[in-house]
Amino acid sequence: MSNQLSVLQRATRTDVRSEPFPHIILRDALPENLYQKLADTFPTPETLGVDTRNNNTRWDYEAHRVRSNEAVPQVWRDFIAYHASQAFFDEIADLFYDDVHRQYPDYYPTYEQLKSLKAGVRFSDTYGTHDILMDAMLSGNTPVTNAGSVRTSHVDYGDKLFSGLFYMRPADYDAVGGDLTISRFKSRYVTLEDKTALFNDAYVDDSHLECVETVKYDRNLLVLFINSIESVHGVTVRQPTNKSRLFVNLVGEVEKPFYIKGKKIRPRYVPAHQDQDEAEQTWLKRLKQKLRL
């Protein structure tokens, strides 16, 4: 499958930033003619069954549904299919191996081990036959009646190896806000234990964070990162608007989560040799010992 559709076709290793977590920001990611063709034919939320009356609400139309919907333009079906493919995963592995290895050395001790992962399509293939399930979603946020953030500073689920956002700001989009924030924990939080104690489920209050960069919502713009407990990001407040915020959401999920989190369990890494249930029991045992319960 040709990478001429890829949002990473212009990326090099020098574009990868390791701080505050491994990520890449690519402006003009696609050739202009391809981008414009996609922008001109982006399916309207209504044609995908989205209720745009909901205030500032996230919606996703996954790759497996795009594949089966012949009403979606062919250029979009090809584009989505590529970004849920083995070929796209191989691009990510080539670009980010050093950072993936640094973050998860027990899971991916060698480049060959990461490259050997067999990619499938999320909600279509299974972990019985695949190692990582990919998705590329037509996504957006509905118009805003009451100003607010669709999602404040947070980390993603622990089963995600990577997450990506390909922004497609419409030409007539005049709304204020909805930009992406990339943050690190303030320097007074030194240890992982210090940092995880700040979470409420997936979320961290901005008072504990330093915003390293605010990436303006724009056209033909890719942000893609390797996921971890420290990959804290969020969306700034959007002011009232009748415009939808459109993008493509990219993910790669593995069966065994790298970390667990929840309202009762602070985020903590799961060693490669330990399953999630065992990790949760270990965490609870240590908590009881600490509280002498």
C-alpha atoms as a PDB file:
ATOM      1  CA  MET A   1       0.000   0.000   0.000  1.00  0.00           C
ATOM      2  CA  SER A   2       1.524   3.318  -1.100  1.00  0.00           C
ATOM      3  CA  ASN A   3       2.496   5.915   1.475  1.00  0.00           C
ATOM      4  CA  GLN A   4       1.494   8.705  -0.947  1.00  0.00           C
ATOM      5  CA  LEU A   5      -1.624   8.997   1.216  1.00  0.00           C
ATOM      6  CA  SER A   6       0.322   9.084   4.475  1.00  0.00           C
ATOM      7  CA  VAL A   7       0.274  12.017   6.875  1.00  0.00           C
ATOM      8  CA  LEU A   8       3.860  10.983   7.698  1.00  0.00           C
ATOM      9  CA  GLN A   9       5.194  11.015   4.138  1.00  0.00           C
ATOM     10  CA  ARG A  10       7.168  14.212   4.768  1.00  0.00           C
ATOM     11  CA  ALA A  11       8.350  13.258   8.267  1.00  0.00           C
ATOM     12  CA  THR A  12      11.941  12.444   9.248  1.00  0.00           C
ATOM     13  CA  ARG A  13      13.562  11.416  12.520  1.00  0.00           C
ATOM     14  CA  THR A  14      14.712  14.985  13.027  1.00  0.00           C
ATOM     15  CA  ASP A  15      11.055  16.028  13.287  1.00  0.00           C
ATOM     16  CA  VAL A  16      10.486  13.845  16.366  1.00  0.00           C
ATOM     17  CA  ARG A  17      10.584  15.733  19.658  1.00  0.00           C
ATOM     18  CA  SER A  18      11.343  13.733  22.799  1.00  0.00           C
ATOM     19  CA  GLU A  19      10.174  16.307  25.348  1.00  0.00           C
ATOM     20  CA  PRO A  20       7.941  16.494  27.289  1.00  0.00           C
ATOM     21  CA  PHE A  21       6.989  13.177  25.701  1.00  0.00           C
ATOM     22  CA  PRO A  22       7.767  11.743  22.247  1.00  0.00           C
ATOM     23  CA  HIS A  23       5.695  13.535  19.616  1.00  0.00           C
ATOM     24  CA  ILE A  24       5.754  15.043  16.169  1.00  0.00           C
ATOM     25  CA  ILE A  25       4.089  18.200  14.856  1.00  0.00           C
ATOM     26  CA  LEU A  26       3.914  18.438  11.070  1.00  0.00           C
ATOM     27  CA  ARG A  27       2.464  21.449   9.297  1.00  0.00           C
ATOM     28  CA  ASP A  28       1.475  20.956   5.637  1.00  0.00           C
ATOM     29  CA  ALA A  29       1.706  17.230   6.261  1.00  0.00           C
ATOM     30  CA  LEU A  30       0.018  16.287   2.978  1.00  0.00           C
ATOM     31  CA  PRO A  31       0.672  17.633  -0.520  1.00  0.00           C
ATOM     32  CA  GLU A  32      -1.734  20.496  -1.121  1.00  0.00           C
ATOM     33  CA  ASN A  33      -3.649  18.846  -3.954  1.00  0.00           C
ATOM     34  CA  LEU A  34      -4.389  15.756  -1.868  1.00  0.00           C
ATOM     35  CA  TYR A  35      -5.286  17.778   1.194  1.00  0.00           C
ATOM     36  CA  GLN A  36      -7.674  19.990  -0.761  1.00  0.00           C
ATOM     37  CA  LYS A  37      -9.383  16.968  -2.303  1.00  0.00           C
ATOM     38  CA  LEU A  38      -9.930  15.524   1.165  1.00  0.00           C
ATOM     39  CA  ALA A  39     -11.087  18.853   2.575  1.00  0.00           C
ATOM     40  CA  ASP A  40     -13.568  19.349  -0.259  1.00  0.00           C
ATOM     41  CA  THR A  41     -15.093  15.899   0.259  1.00  0.00           C
ATOM     42  CA  PHE A  42     -15.030  15.513   4.063  1.00  0.00           C
ATOM     43  CA  PRO A  43     -18.394  13.876   4.809  1.00  0.00           C
ATOM     44  CA  THR A  44     -20.672  16.179   6.758  1.00  0.00           C
ATOM     45  CA  PRO A  45     -21.351  15.072  10.349  1.00  0.00           C
ATOM     46  CA  GLU A  46     -25.047  14.815   9.539  1.00  0.00           C
ATOM     47  CA  THR A  47     -24.440  12.276   6.741  1.00  0.00           C
ATOM     48  CA  LEU A  48     -22.549  10.135   9.264  1.00  0.00           C
ATOM     49  CA  GLY A  49     -25.459  10.182  11.681  1.00  0.00           C
ATOM     50  CA  VAL A  50     -23.999  12.736  14.104  1.00  0.00           C
ATOM     51  CA  ASP A  51     -26.450  14.809  16.141  1.00  0.00           C
ATOM     52  CA  THR A  52     -24.868  18.253  15.849  1.00  0.00           C
ATOM     53  CA  ARG A  53     -27.368  19.730  18.314  1.00  0.00           C
ATOM     54  CA  ASN A  54     -25.253  18.397  21.199  1.00  0.00           C
ATOM     55  CA  ASN A  55     -23.025  21.080  22.705  1.00  0.00           C
ATOM     56  CA  ASN A  56     -19.274  20.720  21.971  1.00  0.00           C
ATOM     57  CA  THR A  57     -19.400  16.927  21.853  1.00  0.00           C
ATOM     58  CA  ARG A  58     -16.756  14.603  20.414  1.00  0.00           C
ATOM     59  CA  TRP A  59     -17.825  12.137  17.714  1.00  0.00           C
ATOM     60  CA  ASP A  60     -15.931   9.441  15.799  1.00  0.00           C
ATOM     61  CA  TYR A  61     -16.690   7.391  12.694  1.00  0.00           C
ATOM     62  CA  GLU A  62     -14.311   4.447  12.767  1.00  0.00           C
ATOM     63  CA  ALA A  63     -12.328   2.821   9.954  1.00  0.00           C
ATOM     64  CA  HIS A  64     -14.419  -0.337   9.901  1.00  0.00           C
ATOM     65  CA  ARG A  65     -17.559   1.752   9.306  1.00  0.00           C
ATOM     66  CA  VAL A  66     -15.884   3.865   6.631  1.00  0.00           C
ATOM     67  CA  ARG A  67     -14.846   0.686   4.839  1.00  0.00           C
ATOM     68  CA  SER A  68     -18.422  -0.599   4.698  1.00  0.00           C
ATOM     69  CA  ASN A  69     -20.064   2.723   3.785  1.00  0.00           C
ATOM     70  CA  GLU A  70     -20.030   3.188   0.011  1.00  0.00           C
ATOM     71  CA  ALA A  71     -21.488   6.670   0.450  1.00  0.00           C
ATOM     72  CA  VAL A  72     -18.113   7.844   1.796  1.00  0.00           C
ATOM     73  CA  PRO A  73     -16.033   9.239  -1.116  1.00  0.00           C
ATOM     74  CA  GLN A  74     -13.400   6.833  -2.452  1.00  0.00           C
ATOM     75  CA  VAL A  75     -10.520   9.189  -1.663  1.00  0.00           C
ATOM     76  CA  TRP A  76     -11.579   9.077   1.972  1.00  0.00           C
ATOM     77  CA  ARG A  77     -12.020   5.319   1.992  1.00  0.00           C
ATOM     78  CA  ASP A  78      -8.484   4.936   0.625  1.00  0.00           C
ATOM     79  CA  PHE A  79      -7.078   7.517   3.059  1.00  0.00           C
ATOM     80  CA  ILE A  80      -8.686   5.928   6.112  1.00  0.00           C
ATOM     81  CA  ALA A  81      -7.707   2.418   4.999  1.00  0.00           C
ATOM     82  CA  TYR A  82      -4.045   3.416   4.699  1.00  0.00           C
ATOM     83  CA  HIS A  83      -3.952   4.921   8.187  1.00  0.00           C
ATOM     84  CA  ALA A  84      -5.367   1.702   9.678  1.00  0.00           C
ATOM     85  CA  SER A  85      -2.853  -0.487   7.839  1.00  0.00           C
ATOM     86  CA  GLN A  86       0.366  -2.387   8.455  1.00  0.00           C
ATOM     87  CA  ALA A  87       2.170   0.084   6.195  1.00  0.00           C
ATOM     88  CA  PHE A  88       1.257   3.041   8.398  1.00  0.00           C
ATOM     89  CA  PHE A  89       2.246   1.202  11.560  1.00  0.00           C
ATOM     90  CA  ASP A  90       5.615   0.421   9.952  1.00  0.00           C
ATOM     91  CA  GLU A  91       6.121   4.155   9.348  1.00  0.00           C
ATOM     92  CA  ILE A  92       5.452   4.890  13.007  1.00  0.00           C
ATOM     93  CA  ALA A  93       7.785   2.100  14.130  1.00  0.00           C
ATOM     94  CA  ASP A  94      10.573   3.481  11.939  1.00  0.00           C
ATOM     95  CA  LEU A  95      10.134   7.037  13.195  1.00  0.00           C
ATOM     96  CA  PHE A  96       9.574   6.375  16.876  1.00  0.00           C
ATOM     97  CA  TYR A  97      11.408   3.159  17.756  1.00  0.00           C
ATOM     98  CA  ASP A  98      14.071   4.850  19.899  1.00  0.00           C
ATOM     99  CA  ASP A  99      11.423   6.634  21.934  1.00  0.00           C
ATOM    100  CA  VAL A 100       9.176   3.572  22.193  1.00  0.00           C
ATOM    101  CA  HIS A 101      12.130   1.502  23.397  1.00  0.00           C
ATOM    102  CA  ARG A 102      13.116   4.171  25.911  1.00  0.00           C
ATOM    103  CA  GLN A 103       9.558   4.265  27.281  1.00  0.00           C
ATOM    104  CA  TYR A 104       8.806   0.526  27.178  1.00  0.00           C
ATOM    105  CA  PRO A 105      12.126  -1.379  27.062  1.00  0.00           C
ATOM    106  CA  ASP A 106      10.633  -4.566  28.513  1.00  0.00           C
ATOM    107  CA  TYR A 107       7.879  -4.640  25.903  1.00  0.00           C
ATOM    108  CA  TYR A 108      10.000  -3.691  22.884  1.00  0.00           C
ATOM    109  CA  PRO A 109      13.633  -4.565  23.597  1.00  0.00           C
ATOM    110  CA  THR A 110      14.657  -4.447  19.928  1.00  0.00           C
ATOM    111  CA  TYR A 111      13.666  -2.678  16.739  1.00  0.00           C
ATOM    112  CA  GLU A 112      12.959  -6.033  15.117  1.00  0.00           C
ATOM    113  CA  GLN A 113      10.507  -6.930  17.879  1.00  0.00           C
ATOM    114  CA  LEU A 114       8.508  -3.724  17.369  1.00  0.00           C
ATOM    115  CA  LYS A 115       8.545  -4.087  13.586  1.00  0.00           C
ATOM    116  CA  SER A 116       7.334  -7.673  13.862  1.00  0.00           C
ATOM    117  CA  LEU A 117       3.982  -6.591  15.324  1.00  0.00           C
ATOM    118  CA  LYS A 118       1.132  -7.576  13.024  1.00  0.00           C
ATOM    119  CA  ALA A 119      -1.366  -4.744  12.564  1.00  0.00           C
ATOM    120  CA  GLY A 120      -5.097  -5.212  12.155  1.00  0.00           C
ATOM    121  CA  VAL A 121      -8.153  -2.969  12.080  1.00  0.00           C
ATOM    122  CA  ARG A 122      -9.842  -2.129  15.370  1.00  0.00           C
ATOM    123  CA  PHE A 123     -13.431  -3.471  15.763  1.00  0.00           C
ATOM    124  CA  SER A 124     -12.825  -5.755  12.775  1.00  0.00           C
ATOM    125  CA  ASP A 125      -9.741  -7.852  13.524  1.00  0.00           C
ATOM    126  CA  THR A 126      -8.864  -9.418  16.891  1.00  0.00           C
ATOM    127  CA  TYR A 127      -5.837  -9.958  19.103  1.00  0.00           C
ATOM    128  CA  GLY A 128      -6.133 -13.648  18.352  1.00  0.00           C
ATOM    129  CA  THR A 129      -4.499 -12.994  14.985  1.00  0.00           C
ATOM    130  CA  HIS A 130      -3.008  -9.490  15.362  1.00  0.00           C
ATOM    131  CA  ASP A 131      -0.703  -7.688  17.801  1.00  0.00           C
ATOM    132  CA  ILE A 132      -1.839  -4.091  17.386  1.00  0.00           C
ATOM    133  CA  LEU A 133      -5.246  -2.858  16.261  1.00  0.00           C
ATOM    134  CA  MET A 134      -5.219   0.364  14.250  1.00  0.00           C
ATOM    135  CA  ASP A 135      -7.943   2.896  13.674  1.00  0.00           C
ATOM    136  CA  ALA A 136      -8.333   6.055  11.617  1.00  0.00           C
ATOM    137  CA  MET A 137     -11.543   7.889  12.397  1.00  0.00           C
ATOM    138  CA  LEU A 138     -13.441  10.691  10.766  1.00  0.00           C
ATOM    139  CA  SER A 139     -13.877  12.823  13.860  1.00  0.00           C
ATOM    140  CA  GLY A 140     -15.071  16.153  15.099  1.00  0.00           C
ATOM    141  CA  ASN A 141     -16.529  18.299  17.834  1.00  0.00           C
ATOM    142  CA  THR A 142     -20.048  19.602  17.435  1.00  0.00           C
ATOM    143  CA  PRO A 143     -20.918  23.331  17.488  1.00  0.00           C
ATOM    144  CA  VAL A 144     -20.698  25.192  20.804  1.00  0.00           C
ATOM    145  CA  THR A 145     -23.612  26.824  22.597  1.00  0.00           C
ATOM    146  CA  ASN A 146     -21.890  27.109  25.987  1.00  0.00           C
ATOM    147  CA  ALA A 147     -18.162  27.860  26.037  1.00  0.00           C
ATOM    148  CA  GLY A 148     -15.989  25.050  27.377  1.00  0.00           C
ATOM    149  CA  SER A 149     -13.289  22.476  26.700  1.00  0.00           C
ATOM    150  CA  VAL A 150     -14.294  19.243  25.017  1.00  0.00           C
ATOM    151  CA  ARG A 151     -11.529  17.585  27.063  1.00  0.00           C
ATOM    152  CA  THR A 152      -9.191  19.197  29.588  1.00  0.00           C
ATOM    153  CA  SER A 153      -5.643  18.010  30.360  1.00  0.00           C
ATOM    154  CA  HIS A 154      -5.530  14.205  30.481  1.00  0.00           C
ATOM    155  CA  VAL A 155      -3.779  11.029  29.385  1.00  0.00           C
ATOM    156  CA  ASP A 156      -5.251   8.441  27.025  1.00  0.00           C
ATOM    157  CA  TYR A 157      -6.145   4.850  27.867  1.00  0.00           C
ATOM    158  CA  GLY A 158      -3.192   2.666  28.787  1.00  0.00           C
ATOM    159  CA  ASP A 159      -3.691   0.253  25.886  1.00  0.00           C
ATOM    160  CA  LYS A 160      -2.743   2.878  23.305  1.00  0.00           C
ATOM    161  CA  LEU A 161       0.781   2.737  21.919  1.00  0.00           C
ATOM    162  CA  PHE A 162       0.248   5.923  19.938  1.00  0.00           C
ATOM    163  CA  SER A 163      -2.398   8.545  19.294  1.00  0.00           C
ATOM    164  CA  GLY A 164      -2.596  11.074  16.488  1.00  0.00           C
ATOM    165  CA  LEU A 165      -4.700  14.022  15.402  1.00  0.00           C
ATOM    166  CA  PHE A 166      -4.768  15.234  11.826  1.00  0.00           C
ATOM    167  CA  TYR A 167      -6.446  18.628  11.932  1.00  0.00           C
ATOM    168  CA  MET A 168      -8.623  19.748   9.016  1.00  0.00           C
ATOM    169  CA  ARG A 169      -9.781  23.242   9.883  1.00  0.00           C
ATOM    170  CA  PRO A 170     -12.497  24.215   7.355  1.00  0.00           C
ATOM    171  CA  ALA A 171     -11.889  27.323   5.275  1.00  0.00           C
ATOM    172  CA  ASP A 172     -14.896  29.069   6.836  1.00  0.00           C
ATOM    173  CA  TYR A 173     -14.080  28.076  10.411  1.00  0.00           C
ATOM    174  CA  ASP A 174     -13.955  31.261  12.496  1.00  0.00           C
ATOM    175  CA  ALA A 175     -14.366  29.872  16.007  1.00  0.00           C
ATOM    176  CA  VAL A 176     -12.063  30.896  18.859  1.00  0.00           C
ATOM    177  CA  GLY A 177     -10.285  28.163  20.847  1.00  0.00           C
ATOM    178  CA  GLY A 178     -10.159  24.411  20.430  1.00  0.00           C
ATOM    179  CA  ASP A 179      -6.350  24.329  20.290  1.00  0.00           C
ATOM    180  CA  LEU A 180      -4.232  21.406  21.537  1.00  0.00           C
ATOM    181  CA  THR A 181      -2.097  21.798  24.653  1.00  0.00           C
ATOM    182  CA  ILE A 182       1.039  19.727  25.263  1.00  0.00           C
ATOM    183  CA  SER A 183       2.054  19.790  28.927  1.00  0.00           C
ATOM    184  CA  ARG A 184       4.549  18.513  31.469  1.00  0.00           C
ATOM    185  CA  PHE A 185       4.270  18.186  35.209  1.00  0.00           C
ATOM    186  CA  LYS A 186       5.706  21.110  37.169  1.00  0.00           C
ATOM    187  CA  SER A 187       9.265  20.603  38.369  1.00  0.00           C
ATOM    188  CA  ARG A 188       8.247  20.184  42.007  1.00  0.00           C
ATOM    189  CA  TYR A 189       6.726  16.824  41.069  1.00  0.00           C
ATOM    190  CA  VAL A 190       9.857  14.718  40.764  1.00  0.00           C
ATOM    191  CA  THR A 191       8.926  11.063  41.031  1.00  0.00           C
ATOM    192  CA  LEU A 192       6.355   9.058  39.116  1.00  0.00           C
ATOM    193  CA  GLU A 193       4.519   8.559  42.403  1.00  0.00           C
ATOM    194  CA  ASP A 194       4.349  12.358  42.872  1.00  0.00           C
ATOM    195  CA  LYS A 195       2.846  12.721  39.414  1.00  0.00           C
ATOM    196  CA  THR A 196       0.334   9.885  39.516  1.00  0.00           C
ATOM    197  CA  ALA A 197      -1.038  11.148  42.839  1.00  0.00           C
ATOM    198  CA  LEU A 198      -2.322  14.204  40.952  1.00  0.00           C
ATOM    199  CA  PHE A 199      -4.678  12.274  38.669  1.00  0.00           C
ATOM    200  CA  ASN A 200      -8.431  12.096  38.975  1.00  0.00           C
ATOM    201  CA  ASP A 201      -9.008   9.137  36.683  1.00  0.00           C
ATOM    202  CA  ALA A 202      -7.428  10.337  33.394  1.00  0.00           C
ATOM    203  CA  TYR A 203      -7.375  14.038  34.273  1.00  0.00           C
ATOM    204  CA  VAL A 204      -4.832  16.383  35.856  1.00  0.00           C
ATOM    205  CA  ASP A 205      -5.661  19.895  36.999  1.00  0.00           C
ATOM    206  CA  ASP A 206      -3.742  22.529  35.045  1.00  0.00           C
ATOM    207  CA  SER A 207      -2.419  24.019  38.305  1.00  0.00           C
ATOM    208  CA  HIS A 208      -0.033  21.041  38.452  1.00  0.00           C
ATOM    209  CA  LEU A 209       1.149  21.416  34.862  1.00  0.00           C
ATOM    210  CA  GLU A 210       3.331  23.592  32.701  1.00  0.00           C
ATOM    211  CA  CYS A 211       2.016  24.049  29.174  1.00  0.00           C
ATOM    212  CA  VAL A 212       5.004  23.462  26.897  1.00  0.00           C
ATOM    213  CA  GLU A 213       3.217  24.275  23.659  1.00  0.00           C
ATOM    214  CA  THR A 214      -0.208  25.225  22.390  1.00  0.00           C
ATOM    215  CA  VAL A 215      -0.784  23.880  18.893  1.00  0.00           C
ATOM    216  CA  LYS A 216      -3.333  26.009  17.068  1.00  0.00           C
ATOM    217  CA  TYR A 217      -6.175  24.167  15.415  1.00  0.00           C
ATOM    218  CA  ASP A 218      -5.275  24.519  11.741  1.00  0.00           C
ATOM    219  CA  ARG A 219      -5.525  22.923   8.316  1.00  0.00           C
ATOM    220  CA  ASN A 220      -3.301  20.069   7.112  1.00  0.00           C
ATOM    221  CA  LEU A 221      -1.658  19.744  10.528  1.00  0.00           C
ATOM    222  CA  LEU A 222      -0.601  16.499  12.201  1.00  0.00           C
ATOM    223  CA  VAL A 223       0.180  15.908  15.864  1.00  0.00           C
ATOM    224  CA  LEU A 224       1.139  12.323  16.736  1.00  0.00           C
ATOM    225  CA  PHE A 225       2.650  11.036  19.990  1.00  0.00           C
ATOM    226  CA  ILE A 226       3.737   7.928  21.854  1.00  0.00           C
ATOM    227  CA  ASN A 227       1.384   7.317  24.743  1.00  0.00           C
ATOM    228  CA  SER A 228       2.427   7.048  28.399  1.00  0.00           C
ATOM    229  CA  ILE A 229       1.378   8.291  31.832  1.00  0.00           C
ATOM    230  CA  GLU A 230       3.325  11.474  31.098  1.00  0.00           C
ATOM    231  CA  SER A 231       1.750  12.169  27.685  1.00  0.00           C
ATOM    232  CA  VAL A 232      -0.520  14.873  29.084  1.00  0.00           C
ATOM    233  CA  HIS A 233      -2.515  16.857  26.538  1.00  0.00           C
ATOM    234  CA  GLY A 234      -5.816  18.706  26.342  1.00  0.00           C
ATOM    235  CA  VAL A 235      -8.026  21.035  24.310  1.00  0.00           C
ATOM    236  CA  THR A 236      -8.484  24.714  25.087  1.00  0.00           C
ATOM    237  CA  VAL A 237     -11.890  26.274  25.659  1.00  0.00           C
ATOM    238  CA  ARG A 238     -13.979  26.833  22.529  1.00  0.00           C
ATOM    239  CA  GLN A 239     -16.162  29.892  22.421  1.00  0.00           C
ATOM    240  CA  PRO A 240     -19.752  29.662  21.104  1.00  0.00           C
ATOM    241  CA  THR A 241     -19.863  28.881  17.392  1.00  0.00           C
ATOM    242  CA  ASN A 242     -22.110  27.159  14.872  1.00  0.00           C
ATOM    243  CA  LYS A 243     -19.075  25.520  13.232  1.00  0.00           C
ATOM    244  CA  SER A 244     -17.878  21.951  13.749  1.00  0.00           C
ATOM    245  CA  ARG A 245     -14.224  21.259  14.505  1.00  0.00           C
ATOM    246  CA  LEU A 246     -13.109  18.530  12.077  1.00  0.00           C
ATOM    247  CA  PHE A 247     -10.127  16.167  12.221  1.00  0.00           C
ATOM    248  CA  VAL A 248      -8.962  12.587  11.745  1.00  0.00           C
ATOM    249  CA  ASN A 249      -8.172  10.619  14.887  1.00  0.00           C
ATOM    250  CA  LEU A 250      -5.416   7.974  14.669  1.00  0.00           C
ATOM    251  CA  VAL A 251      -4.770   5.250  17.249  1.00  0.00           C
ATOM    252  CA  GLY A 252      -2.904   1.994  17.677  1.00  0.00           C
ATOM    253  CA  GLU A 253      -4.039  -0.222  20.544  1.00  0.00           C
ATOM    254  CA  VAL A 254      -2.382  -3.294  22.080  1.00  0.00           C
ATOM    255  CA  GLU A 255      -4.069  -6.056  24.061  1.00  0.00           C
ATOM    256  CA  LYS A 256      -2.016  -5.682  27.228  1.00  0.00           C
ATOM    257  CA  PRO A 257      -2.180  -2.130  28.634  1.00  0.00           C
ATOM    258  CA  PHE A 258       1.065  -0.358  29.471  1.00  0.00           C
ATOM    259  CA  TYR A 259      -0.588   1.236  32.489  1.00  0.00           C
ATOM    260  CA  ILE A 260      -3.869   1.117  34.370  1.00  0.00           C
ATOM    261  CA  LYS A 261      -5.862   4.000  35.747  1.00  0.00           C
ATOM    262  CA  GLY A 262      -9.241   4.757  37.220  1.00  0.00           C
ATOM    263  CA  LYS A 263     -11.071   6.812  39.811  1.00  0.00           C
ATOM    264  CA  LYS A 264      -9.979   4.453  42.593  1.00  0.00           C
ATOM    265  CA  ILE A 265      -6.634   3.401  41.136  1.00  0.00           C
ATOM    266  CA  ARG A 266      -3.995   6.018  40.390  1.00  0.00           C
ATOM    267  CA  PRO A 267      -2.281   5.464  37.033  1.00  0.00           C
ATOM    268  CA  ARG A 268       0.570   3.010  37.332  1.00  0.00           C
ATOM    269  CA  TYR A 269       2.646   1.056  34.838  1.00  0.00           C
ATOM    270  CA  VAL A 270       2.052  -2.648  34.277  1.00  0.00           C
ATOM    271  CA  PRO A 271       5.339  -4.591  33.905  1.00  0.00           C
ATOM    272  CA  ALA A 272       5.602  -6.627  30.738  1.00  0.00           C
ATOM    273  CA  HIS A 273       5.487  -9.912  32.699  1.00  0.00           C
ATOM    274  CA  GLN A 274       2.360  -8.968  34.691  1.00  0.00           C
ATOM    275  CA  ASP A 275      -1.274  -8.953  33.555  1.00  0.00           C
ATOM    276  CA  GLN A 276      -3.737  -6.174  34.387  1.00  0.00           C
ATOM    277  CA  ASP A 277      -5.694  -8.092  37.053  1.00  0.00           C
ATOM    278  CA  GLU A 278      -2.483  -9.031  38.815  1.00  0.00           C
ATOM    279  CA  ALA A 279      -1.285  -5.434  38.599  1.00  0.00           C
ATOM    280  CA  GLU A 280      -4.508  -4.148  40.150  1.00  0.00           C
ATOM    281  CA  GLN A 281      -4.303  -6.681  42.993  1.00  0.00           C
ATOM    282  CA  THR A 282      -0.666  -5.762  43.623  1.00  0.00           C
ATOM    283  CA  TRP A 283      -1.595  -2.088  43.748  1.00  0.00           C
ATOM    284  CA  LEU A 284      -4.470  -2.734  46.186  1.00  0.00           C
ATOM    285  CA  LYS A 285      -2.263  -4.933  48.380  1.00  0.00           C
ATOM    286  CA  ARG A 286       0.363  -2.196  48.632  1.00  0.00           C
ATOM    287  CA  LEU A 287      -2.320   0.393  49.382  1.00  0.00           C
ATOM    288  CA  LYS A 288      -3.761  -1.738  52.202  1.00  0.00           C
ATOM    289  CA  GLN A 289      -0.292  -2.254  53.630  1.00  0.00           C
ATOM    290  CA  LYS A 290       0.318   1.470  53.518  1.00  0.00           C
ATOM    291  CA  LEU A 291      -2.993   2.168  55.259  1.00  0.00           C
ATOM    292  CA  ARG A 292      -2.567  -0.859  57.524  1.00  0.00           C
ATOM    293  CA  LEU A 293      -5.991  -2.202  56.578  1.00  0.00           C
END
